[in-house]
Amino acid sequence: MVRKAQVKDVKEIYGLIESFATKGEMLHRPQSEIYANLRDFFVYGEGANLLGVCALHICWEEMAEIRSLCVKEGEGGKGIGRELVAACLNEAKTLGVKRVFALTYKSEFFEKMNFRMIDKSTLPHKIWNECVKCIKFPTCDENAVMIELY
């Protein structure tokens, strides 16, 4: 079940993100940053266990980013990521966001959800503030995808 994250979820959110960040598959997110941006996060839980996490971060007028999407090892392929992204897109529509993008190594996943590949250089410079924290900056090998919401 997808729901908005709560303060009690922060340590598990951190653990899920770190499990992928240590493999170089996403950015590290300190617990302090998760607390500060908690309202961005959705979680997927079964019972007391969090199986997935995703955030919708507003970054510019009418533009938001899907970030920190991850599903616990062994739980992939069950539609958890799809439900989390759908929750973010629904919230984006409610907020009046027109375009949502993601930087990802799994562009095929997003393309199945009607995102399209774009050139990273077309994104506003403001979004690169996050990228300077990445060990791969400035030679980013992620793909940029975007969806237009109506």
C-alpha atoms as a PDB file:
ATOM      1  CA  MET A   1       0.000   0.000   0.000  1.00  0.00           C
ATOM      2  CA  VAL A   2       1.319   3.458  -0.963  1.00  0.00           C
ATOM      3  CA  ARG A   3       1.107   6.304   1.530  1.00  0.00           C
ATOM      4  CA  LYS A   4       2.852   9.546   2.389  1.00  0.00           C
ATOM      5  CA  ALA A   5       5.975   9.006   4.460  1.00  0.00           C
ATOM      6  CA  GLN A   6       5.935   9.703   8.176  1.00  0.00           C
ATOM      7  CA  VAL A   7       8.698  10.679  10.601  1.00  0.00           C
ATOM      8  CA  LYS A   8       8.804   7.102  11.898  1.00  0.00           C
ATOM      9  CA  ASP A   9       9.778   5.923   8.366  1.00  0.00           C
ATOM     10  CA  VAL A  10      12.947   7.995   7.999  1.00  0.00           C
ATOM     11  CA  LYS A  11      15.423   5.354   9.191  1.00  0.00           C
ATOM     12  CA  GLU A  12      13.933   2.711   6.882  1.00  0.00           C
ATOM     13  CA  ILE A  13      13.824   5.174   3.967  1.00  0.00           C
ATOM     14  CA  TYR A  14      17.471   5.959   4.623  1.00  0.00           C
ATOM     15  CA  GLY A  15      18.341   2.253   4.715  1.00  0.00           C
ATOM     16  CA  LEU A  16      16.579   1.532   1.411  1.00  0.00           C
ATOM     17  CA  ILE A  17      18.239   4.461  -0.333  1.00  0.00           C
ATOM     18  CA  GLU A  18      21.669   3.603   1.085  1.00  0.00           C
ATOM     19  CA  SER A  19      21.399   0.004  -0.126  1.00  0.00           C
ATOM     20  CA  PHE A  20      21.309   1.346  -3.701  1.00  0.00           C
ATOM     21  CA  ALA A  21      23.540   4.393  -3.191  1.00  0.00           C
ATOM     22  CA  THR A  22      26.438   2.242  -1.967  1.00  0.00           C
ATOM     23  CA  LYS A  23      26.241   0.392  -5.304  1.00  0.00           C
ATOM     24  CA  GLY A  24      26.396   3.697  -7.213  1.00  0.00           C
ATOM     25  CA  GLU A  25      22.817   3.384  -8.448  1.00  0.00           C
ATOM     26  CA  MET A  26      21.507   6.589  -6.835  1.00  0.00           C
ATOM     27  CA  LEU A  27      22.598   9.537  -4.748  1.00  0.00           C
ATOM     28  CA  HIS A  28      23.237   9.134  -1.049  1.00  0.00           C
ATOM     29  CA  ARG A  29      20.679  10.999   1.056  1.00  0.00           C
ATOM     30  CA  PRO A  30      21.676  11.840   4.636  1.00  0.00           C
ATOM     31  CA  GLN A  31      18.972  11.278   7.238  1.00  0.00           C
ATOM     32  CA  SER A  32      18.910  15.030   7.891  1.00  0.00           C
ATOM     33  CA  GLU A  33      18.009  15.638   4.232  1.00  0.00           C
ATOM     34  CA  ILE A  34      15.265  12.998   4.369  1.00  0.00           C
ATOM     35  CA  TYR A  35      13.795  14.642   7.471  1.00  0.00           C
ATOM     36  CA  ALA A  36      13.989  18.086   5.832  1.00  0.00           C
ATOM     37  CA  ASN A  37      12.245  16.836   2.679  1.00  0.00           C
ATOM     38  CA  LEU A  38       9.960  14.233   4.256  1.00  0.00           C
ATOM     39  CA  ARG A  39       6.871  15.729   2.611  1.00  0.00           C
ATOM     40  CA  ASP A  40       8.355  14.812  -0.788  1.00  0.00           C
ATOM     41  CA  PHE A  41       8.346  11.083   0.013  1.00  0.00           C
ATOM     42  CA  PHE A  42       5.892   8.282  -0.580  1.00  0.00           C
ATOM     43  CA  VAL A  43       6.467   4.793   0.787  1.00  0.00           C
ATOM     44  CA  TYR A  44       5.091   1.394  -0.089  1.00  0.00           C
ATOM     45  CA  GLY A  45       4.523  -0.776   2.937  1.00  0.00           C
ATOM     46  CA  GLU A  46       3.229  -4.203   3.795  1.00  0.00           C
ATOM     47  CA  GLY A  47       2.548  -4.507   7.474  1.00  0.00           C
ATOM     48  CA  ALA A  48       5.403  -2.907   9.370  1.00  0.00           C
ATOM     49  CA  ASN A  49       7.876  -3.321   6.472  1.00  0.00           C
ATOM     50  CA  LEU A  50       8.715  -0.675   3.912  1.00  0.00           C
ATOM     51  CA  LEU A  51       9.307  -2.279   0.544  1.00  0.00           C
ATOM     52  CA  GLY A  52       9.759   0.844  -1.545  1.00  0.00           C
ATOM     53  CA  VAL A  53      10.243   4.586  -1.538  1.00  0.00           C
ATOM     54  CA  CYS A  54       9.973   7.445  -4.016  1.00  0.00           C
ATOM     55  CA  ALA A  55      10.003  11.236  -3.789  1.00  0.00           C
ATOM     56  CA  LEU A  56       8.441  14.009  -5.829  1.00  0.00           C
ATOM     57  CA  HIS A  57      10.563  17.129  -5.498  1.00  0.00           C
ATOM     58  CA  ILE A  58       9.301  20.443  -6.864  1.00  0.00           C
ATOM     59  CA  CYS A  59      12.297  22.127  -8.440  1.00  0.00           C
ATOM     60  CA  TRP A  60      11.039  24.891 -10.678  1.00  0.00           C
ATOM     61  CA  GLU A  61       7.868  26.541 -11.903  1.00  0.00           C
ATOM     62  CA  GLU A  62       5.621  23.772 -13.220  1.00  0.00           C
ATOM     63  CA  MET A  63       8.478  21.224 -13.016  1.00  0.00           C
ATOM     64  CA  ALA A  64       9.207  18.453 -10.555  1.00  0.00           C
ATOM     65  CA  GLU A  65      11.631  15.565 -10.282  1.00  0.00           C
ATOM     66  CA  ILE A  66      11.029  11.985  -9.300  1.00  0.00           C
ATOM     67  CA  ARG A  67      13.966  11.004  -7.141  1.00  0.00           C
ATOM     68  CA  SER A  68      15.107   8.299  -4.751  1.00  0.00           C
ATOM     69  CA  LEU A  69      12.917   5.623  -6.351  1.00  0.00           C
ATOM     70  CA  CYS A  70      13.935   2.252  -4.991  1.00  0.00           C
ATOM     71  CA  VAL A  71      12.323  -1.070  -4.186  1.00  0.00           C
ATOM     72  CA  LYS A  72      13.784  -3.449  -1.624  1.00  0.00           C
ATOM     73  CA  GLU A  73      15.976  -6.220  -3.037  1.00  0.00           C
ATOM     74  CA  GLY A  74      13.876  -9.279  -3.895  1.00  0.00           C
ATOM     75  CA  GLU A  75      10.659  -7.262  -4.193  1.00  0.00           C
ATOM     76  CA  GLY A  76      11.141  -5.986  -7.755  1.00  0.00           C
ATOM     77  CA  GLY A  77       8.763  -6.879 -10.553  1.00  0.00           C
ATOM     78  CA  LYS A  78       5.668  -6.708  -8.346  1.00  0.00           C
ATOM     79  CA  GLY A  79       4.489  -3.258  -9.457  1.00  0.00           C
ATOM     80  CA  ILE A  80       5.719  -1.463  -6.328  1.00  0.00           C
ATOM     81  CA  GLY A  81       7.832   1.049  -8.256  1.00  0.00           C
ATOM     82  CA  ARG A  82       4.989   1.661 -10.683  1.00  0.00           C
ATOM     83  CA  GLU A  83       2.570   2.411  -7.827  1.00  0.00           C
ATOM     84  CA  LEU A  84       5.049   4.774  -6.187  1.00  0.00           C
ATOM     85  CA  VAL A  85       5.643   6.710  -9.411  1.00  0.00           C
ATOM     86  CA  ALA A  86       1.874   6.854 -10.042  1.00  0.00           C
ATOM     87  CA  ALA A  87       1.374   8.363  -6.574  1.00  0.00           C
ATOM     88  CA  CYS A  88       4.007  10.999  -7.344  1.00  0.00           C
ATOM     89  CA  LEU A  89       2.405  11.815 -10.694  1.00  0.00           C
ATOM     90  CA  ASN A  90      -1.031  12.124  -9.099  1.00  0.00           C
ATOM     91  CA  GLU A  91       0.367  14.528  -6.524  1.00  0.00           C
ATOM     92  CA  ALA A  92       2.130  16.494  -9.275  1.00  0.00           C
ATOM     93  CA  LYS A  93      -1.192  16.931 -11.086  1.00  0.00           C
ATOM     94  CA  THR A  94      -2.864  18.070  -7.853  1.00  0.00           C
ATOM     95  CA  LEU A  95      -0.110  20.657  -7.362  1.00  0.00           C
ATOM     96  CA  GLY A  96      -0.405  21.961 -10.926  1.00  0.00           C
ATOM     97  CA  VAL A  97       2.951  20.620 -12.080  1.00  0.00           C
ATOM     98  CA  LYS A  98       3.097  20.345 -15.863  1.00  0.00           C
ATOM     99  CA  ARG A  99       6.328  18.366 -16.372  1.00  0.00           C
ATOM    100  CA  VAL A 100       7.988  15.657 -14.296  1.00  0.00           C
ATOM    101  CA  PHE A 101      11.446  14.342 -15.034  1.00  0.00           C
ATOM    102  CA  ALA A 102      13.790  11.743 -13.600  1.00  0.00           C
ATOM    103  CA  LEU A 103      17.483  11.001 -13.956  1.00  0.00           C
ATOM    104  CA  THR A 104      17.786   7.242 -14.109  1.00  0.00           C
ATOM    105  CA  TYR A 105      19.669   4.140 -15.122  1.00  0.00           C
ATOM    106  CA  LYS A 106      16.323   2.412 -15.761  1.00  0.00           C
ATOM    107  CA  SER A 107      14.841   4.500 -18.543  1.00  0.00           C
ATOM    108  CA  GLU A 108      12.892   1.491 -19.879  1.00  0.00           C
ATOM    109  CA  PHE A 109      10.886   1.379 -16.644  1.00  0.00           C
ATOM    110  CA  PHE A 110       9.904   5.026 -17.045  1.00  0.00           C
ATOM    111  CA  GLU A 111       9.223   4.676 -20.776  1.00  0.00           C
ATOM    112  CA  LYS A 112       6.624   2.000 -19.939  1.00  0.00           C
ATOM    113  CA  MET A 113       4.913   4.712 -17.865  1.00  0.00           C
ATOM    114  CA  ASN A 114       4.834   7.135 -20.836  1.00  0.00           C
ATOM    115  CA  PHE A 115       7.963   9.101 -19.965  1.00  0.00           C
ATOM    116  CA  ARG A 116      10.143   9.933 -22.954  1.00  0.00           C
ATOM    117  CA  MET A 117      13.905  10.259 -23.193  1.00  0.00           C
ATOM    118  CA  ILE A 118      15.192  13.840 -23.293  1.00  0.00           C
ATOM    119  CA  ASP A 119      18.565  15.517 -23.523  1.00  0.00           C
ATOM    120  CA  LYS A 120      19.772  16.375 -19.998  1.00  0.00           C
ATOM    121  CA  SER A 121      21.022  19.727 -21.234  1.00  0.00           C
ATOM    122  CA  THR A 122      17.415  20.863 -21.817  1.00  0.00           C
ATOM    123  CA  LEU A 123      16.706  20.780 -18.068  1.00  0.00           C
ATOM    124  CA  PRO A 124      16.965  24.071 -16.135  1.00  0.00           C
ATOM    125  CA  HIS A 125      20.353  24.743 -14.555  1.00  0.00           C
ATOM    126  CA  LYS A 126      18.689  24.929 -11.137  1.00  0.00           C
ATOM    127  CA  ILE A 127      18.265  21.130 -11.069  1.00  0.00           C
ATOM    128  CA  TRP A 128      22.012  20.535 -11.353  1.00  0.00           C
ATOM    129  CA  ASN A 129      22.405  21.699  -7.754  1.00  0.00           C
ATOM    130  CA  GLU A 130      21.821  18.061  -6.732  1.00  0.00           C
ATOM    131  CA  CYS A 131      24.226  16.707  -9.302  1.00  0.00           C
ATOM    132  CA  VAL A 132      27.279  18.435  -7.888  1.00  0.00           C
ATOM    133  CA  LYS A 133      26.919  16.136  -4.848  1.00  0.00           C
ATOM    134  CA  CYS A 134      27.362  13.059  -7.030  1.00  0.00           C
ATOM    135  CA  ILE A 135      30.726  11.337  -7.355  1.00  0.00           C
ATOM    136  CA  LYS A 136      30.015  10.961 -11.089  1.00  0.00           C
ATOM    137  CA  PHE A 137      29.673  14.703 -11.668  1.00  0.00           C
ATOM    138  CA  PRO A 138      30.319  16.106 -14.282  1.00  0.00           C
ATOM    139  CA  THR A 139      30.456  12.870 -16.283  1.00  0.00           C
ATOM    140  CA  CYS A 140      26.931  11.707 -15.458  1.00  0.00           C
ATOM    141  CA  ASP A 141      25.924   8.497 -17.172  1.00  0.00           C
ATOM    142  CA  GLU A 142      22.248   8.584 -16.171  1.00  0.00           C
ATOM    143  CA  ASN A 143      19.493   9.107 -18.722  1.00  0.00           C
ATOM    144  CA  ALA A 144      16.947  11.897 -18.434  1.00  0.00           C
ATOM    145  CA  VAL A 145      13.277  11.088 -18.948  1.00  0.00           C
ATOM    146  CA  MET A 146      10.235  13.360 -18.800  1.00  0.00           C
ATOM    147  CA  ILE A 147       6.485  13.176 -18.879  1.00  0.00           C
ATOM    148  CA  GLU A 148       4.106  16.020 -19.722  1.00  0.00           C
ATOM    149  CA  LEU A 149       1.036  16.168 -17.493  1.00  0.00           C
ATOM    150  CA  TYR A 150      -2.223  17.731 -18.620  1.00  0.00           C
END
